[in-house]
């Protein structure tokens, strides 16, 4: 490899490194969205003017949106590149395994406790 090819490769890797970590602007957008998506359910609960069902569904919906914001703005997962798709599917598979392990463990503990009580 010649010196110019090495320099070009190093420059491409540097650009890729900068793109994969995001900028101050993307972190600020993510932070502001996270604060808003936290403040709305908090305000709904503190206000108490909404029904329990409306409050619960609002919290769940805004929590899902906040998960997406964290994945996009802080973890930089996207579907635009092949590497982004692979990272996203890896993350989703890991999350599925964790949810299954925790959920099934809680279910087993709950059922064991219920059987011990009778």
C-alpha atoms as a PDB file:
ATOM      1  CA  UNK A   1       0.000   0.000   0.000  1.00  0.00           C
ATOM      2  CA  UNK A   2       1.326   3.405  -0.921  1.00  0.00           C
ATOM      3  CA  UNK A   3       1.477   6.363   1.426  1.00  0.00           C
ATOM      4  CA  UNK A   4      -1.489   8.081  -0.278  1.00  0.00           C
ATOM      5  CA  UNK A   5      -3.621   4.926  -0.030  1.00  0.00           C
ATOM      6  CA  UNK A   6      -2.763   4.568   3.652  1.00  0.00           C
ATOM      7  CA  UNK A   7      -3.638   8.210   4.256  1.00  0.00           C
ATOM      8  CA  UNK A   8      -6.971   7.829   2.386  1.00  0.00           C
ATOM      9  CA  UNK A   9      -7.819   4.701   4.397  1.00  0.00           C
ATOM     10  CA  UNK A  10      -6.997   6.452   7.685  1.00  0.00           C
ATOM     11  CA  UNK A  11      -9.157   9.422   6.667  1.00  0.00           C
ATOM     12  CA  UNK A  12     -12.112   7.139   5.800  1.00  0.00           C
ATOM     13  CA  UNK A  13     -11.792   5.348   9.142  1.00  0.00           C
ATOM     14  CA  UNK A  14     -11.690   8.689  10.940  1.00  0.00           C
ATOM     15  CA  UNK A  15     -14.843   9.861   9.157  1.00  0.00           C
ATOM     16  CA  UNK A  16     -16.596   6.577   9.957  1.00  0.00           C
ATOM     17  CA  UNK A  17     -15.563   6.895  13.615  1.00  0.00           C
ATOM     18  CA  UNK A  18     -16.972  10.438  13.800  1.00  0.00           C
ATOM     19  CA  UNK A  19     -20.242   9.392  12.119  1.00  0.00           C
ATOM     20  CA  UNK A  20     -20.758   6.401  14.403  1.00  0.00           C
ATOM     21  CA  UNK A  21     -20.520   8.462  17.578  1.00  0.00           C
ATOM     22  CA  UNK A  22     -22.796  11.357  16.656  1.00  0.00           C
ATOM     23  CA  UNK A  23     -22.392  15.025  17.367  1.00  0.00           C
ATOM     24  CA  UNK A  24     -23.258  17.370  20.190  1.00  0.00           C
ATOM     25  CA  UNK A  25     -26.394  18.333  18.238  1.00  0.00           C
ATOM     26  CA  UNK A  26     -27.714  14.750  18.141  1.00  0.00           C
ATOM     27  CA  UNK A  27     -26.979  14.269  21.833  1.00  0.00           C
ATOM     28  CA  UNK A  28     -28.822  17.499  22.679  1.00  0.00           C
ATOM     29  CA  UNK A  29     -31.811  16.486  20.536  1.00  0.00           C
ATOM     30  CA  UNK A  30     -31.896  13.104  22.289  1.00  0.00           C
ATOM     31  CA  UNK A  31     -31.583  14.710  25.709  1.00  0.00           C
ATOM     32  CA  UNK A  32     -34.373  17.232  25.086  1.00  0.00           C
ATOM     33  CA  UNK A  33     -36.684  14.536  23.705  1.00  0.00           C
ATOM     34  CA  UNK A  34     -35.914  12.305  26.695  1.00  0.00           C
ATOM     35  CA  UNK A  35     -36.735  15.087  29.145  1.00  0.00           C
ATOM     36  CA  UNK A  36     -40.009  15.863  27.367  1.00  0.00           C
ATOM     37  CA  UNK A  37     -40.954  12.177  27.157  1.00  0.00           C
ATOM     38  CA  UNK A  38     -40.290  11.850  30.901  1.00  0.00           C
ATOM     39  CA  UNK A  39     -42.014  15.077  31.934  1.00  0.00           C
ATOM     40  CA  UNK A  40     -45.324  14.366  30.182  1.00  0.00           C
ATOM     41  CA  UNK A  41     -46.145  11.114  32.057  1.00  0.00           C
ATOM     42  CA  UNK A  42     -44.829  12.596  35.290  1.00  0.00           C
ATOM     43  CA  UNK A  43     -47.140  15.587  34.843  1.00  0.00           C
ATOM     44  CA  UNK A  44     -50.098  13.291  34.008  1.00  0.00           C
ATOM     45  CA  UNK A  45     -49.601  11.287  37.196  1.00  0.00           C
ATOM     46  CA  UNK A  46     -49.074  14.349  39.393  1.00  0.00           C
ATOM     47  CA  UNK A  47     -52.074  16.159  37.904  1.00  0.00           C
ATOM     48  CA  UNK A  48     -54.384  13.200  38.472  1.00  0.00           C
ATOM     49  CA  UNK A  49     -57.064  14.560  36.106  1.00  0.00           C
ATOM     50  CA  UNK A  50     -56.824  11.644  33.697  1.00  0.00           C
ATOM     51  CA  UNK A  51     -58.343   8.182  34.106  1.00  0.00           C
ATOM     52  CA  UNK A  52     -56.073   5.362  35.202  1.00  0.00           C
ATOM     53  CA  UNK A  53     -56.390   3.638  31.824  1.00  0.00           C
ATOM     54  CA  UNK A  54     -55.482   6.815  29.903  1.00  0.00           C
ATOM     55  CA  UNK A  55     -52.549   7.493  32.207  1.00  0.00           C
ATOM     56  CA  UNK A  56     -51.268   3.912  31.966  1.00  0.00           C
ATOM     57  CA  UNK A  57     -51.491   3.764  28.162  1.00  0.00           C
ATOM     58  CA  UNK A  58     -49.859   7.169  27.865  1.00  0.00           C
ATOM     59  CA  UNK A  59     -46.961   6.055  30.071  1.00  0.00           C
ATOM     60  CA  UNK A  60     -46.489   2.830  28.091  1.00  0.00           C
ATOM     61  CA  UNK A  61     -46.679   4.613  24.722  1.00  0.00           C
ATOM     62  CA  UNK A  62     -44.273   7.373  25.722  1.00  0.00           C
ATOM     63  CA  UNK A  63     -41.911   4.788  27.244  1.00  0.00           C
ATOM     64  CA  UNK A  64     -41.772   2.934  23.925  1.00  0.00           C
ATOM     65  CA  UNK A  65     -41.105   6.210  22.095  1.00  0.00           C
ATOM     66  CA  UNK A  66     -38.379   7.009  24.626  1.00  0.00           C
ATOM     67  CA  UNK A  67     -36.750   3.619  24.025  1.00  0.00           C
ATOM     68  CA  UNK A  68     -36.653   4.467  20.307  1.00  0.00           C
ATOM     69  CA  UNK A  69     -35.128   7.904  21.087  1.00  0.00           C
ATOM     70  CA  UNK A  70     -32.403   6.293  23.206  1.00  0.00           C
ATOM     71  CA  UNK A  71     -31.640   3.709  20.531  1.00  0.00           C
ATOM     72  CA  UNK A  72     -31.439   6.325  17.778  1.00  0.00           C
ATOM     73  CA  UNK A  73     -29.748   9.282  19.481  1.00  0.00           C
ATOM     74  CA  UNK A  74     -27.587   7.648  22.163  1.00  0.00           C
ATOM     75  CA  UNK A  75     -26.816   4.138  20.881  1.00  0.00           C
ATOM     76  CA  UNK A  76     -26.838   5.301  17.225  1.00  0.00           C
ATOM     77  CA  UNK A  77     -28.671   2.239  15.949  1.00  0.00           C
ATOM     78  CA  UNK A  78     -30.156   2.681  12.478  1.00  0.00           C
ATOM     79  CA  UNK A  79     -31.386   0.694   9.506  1.00  0.00           C
ATOM     80  CA  UNK A  80     -29.662   2.764   6.813  1.00  0.00           C
ATOM     81  CA  UNK A  81     -26.454   0.733   6.593  1.00  0.00           C
ATOM     82  CA  UNK A  82     -25.756  -2.982   6.638  1.00  0.00           C
ATOM     83  CA  UNK A  83     -23.687  -2.533   9.805  1.00  0.00           C
ATOM     84  CA  UNK A  84     -26.547  -0.581  11.403  1.00  0.00           C
ATOM     85  CA  UNK A  85     -29.020  -3.327  10.530  1.00  0.00           C
ATOM     86  CA  UNK A  86     -26.740  -5.986  12.019  1.00  0.00           C
ATOM     87  CA  UNK A  87     -26.203  -3.950  15.200  1.00  0.00           C
ATOM     88  CA  UNK A  88     -29.937  -3.317  15.539  1.00  0.00           C
ATOM     89  CA  UNK A  89     -30.859  -6.981  15.105  1.00  0.00           C
ATOM     90  CA  UNK A  90     -28.147  -8.004  17.555  1.00  0.00           C
ATOM     91  CA  UNK A  91     -29.500  -5.531  20.108  1.00  0.00           C
ATOM     92  CA  UNK A  92     -33.107  -6.665  19.586  1.00  0.00           C
ATOM     93  CA  UNK A  93     -32.145 -10.334  19.922  1.00  0.00           C
ATOM     94  CA  UNK A  94     -30.223  -9.596  23.139  1.00  0.00           C
ATOM     95  CA  UNK A  95     -33.194  -7.625  24.500  1.00  0.00           C
ATOM     96  CA  UNK A  96     -35.540 -10.514  23.657  1.00  0.00           C
ATOM     97  CA  UNK A  97     -33.325 -13.015  25.485  1.00  0.00           C
ATOM     98  CA  UNK A  98     -33.077 -10.736  28.540  1.00  0.00           C
ATOM     99  CA  UNK A  99     -36.857 -10.183  28.630  1.00  0.00           C
ATOM    100  CA  UNK A 100     -37.457 -13.920  28.348  1.00  0.00           C
ATOM    101  CA  UNK A 101     -34.956 -14.828  31.080  1.00  0.00           C
ATOM    102  CA  UNK A 102     -36.229 -12.170  33.499  1.00  0.00           C
ATOM    103  CA  UNK A 103     -39.917 -12.703  32.665  1.00  0.00           C
ATOM    104  CA  UNK A 104     -39.768 -16.477  32.930  1.00  0.00           C
ATOM    105  CA  UNK A 105     -37.743 -16.279  36.160  1.00  0.00           C
ATOM    106  CA  UNK A 106     -40.335 -13.990  37.744  1.00  0.00           C
ATOM    107  CA  UNK A 107     -43.112 -16.292  36.529  1.00  0.00           C
ATOM    108  CA  UNK A 108     -41.397 -19.385  37.994  1.00  0.00           C
ATOM    109  CA  UNK A 109     -40.792 -17.637  41.327  1.00  0.00           C
ATOM    110  CA  UNK A 110     -44.402 -16.387  41.470  1.00  0.00           C
ATOM    111  CA  UNK A 111     -45.837 -19.825  40.647  1.00  0.00           C
ATOM    112  CA  UNK A 112     -43.515 -21.536  43.153  1.00  0.00           C
ATOM    113  CA  UNK A 113     -44.651 -19.111  45.843  1.00  0.00           C
ATOM    114  CA  UNK A 114     -48.308 -19.697  44.960  1.00  0.00           C
ATOM    115  CA  UNK A 115     -47.845 -23.489  45.179  1.00  0.00           C
ATOM    116  CA  UNK A 116     -46.136 -23.179  48.573  1.00  0.00           C
ATOM    117  CA  UNK A 117     -49.050 -21.192  49.990  1.00  0.00           C
ATOM    118  CA  UNK A 118     -51.628 -23.929  49.357  1.00  0.00           C
END
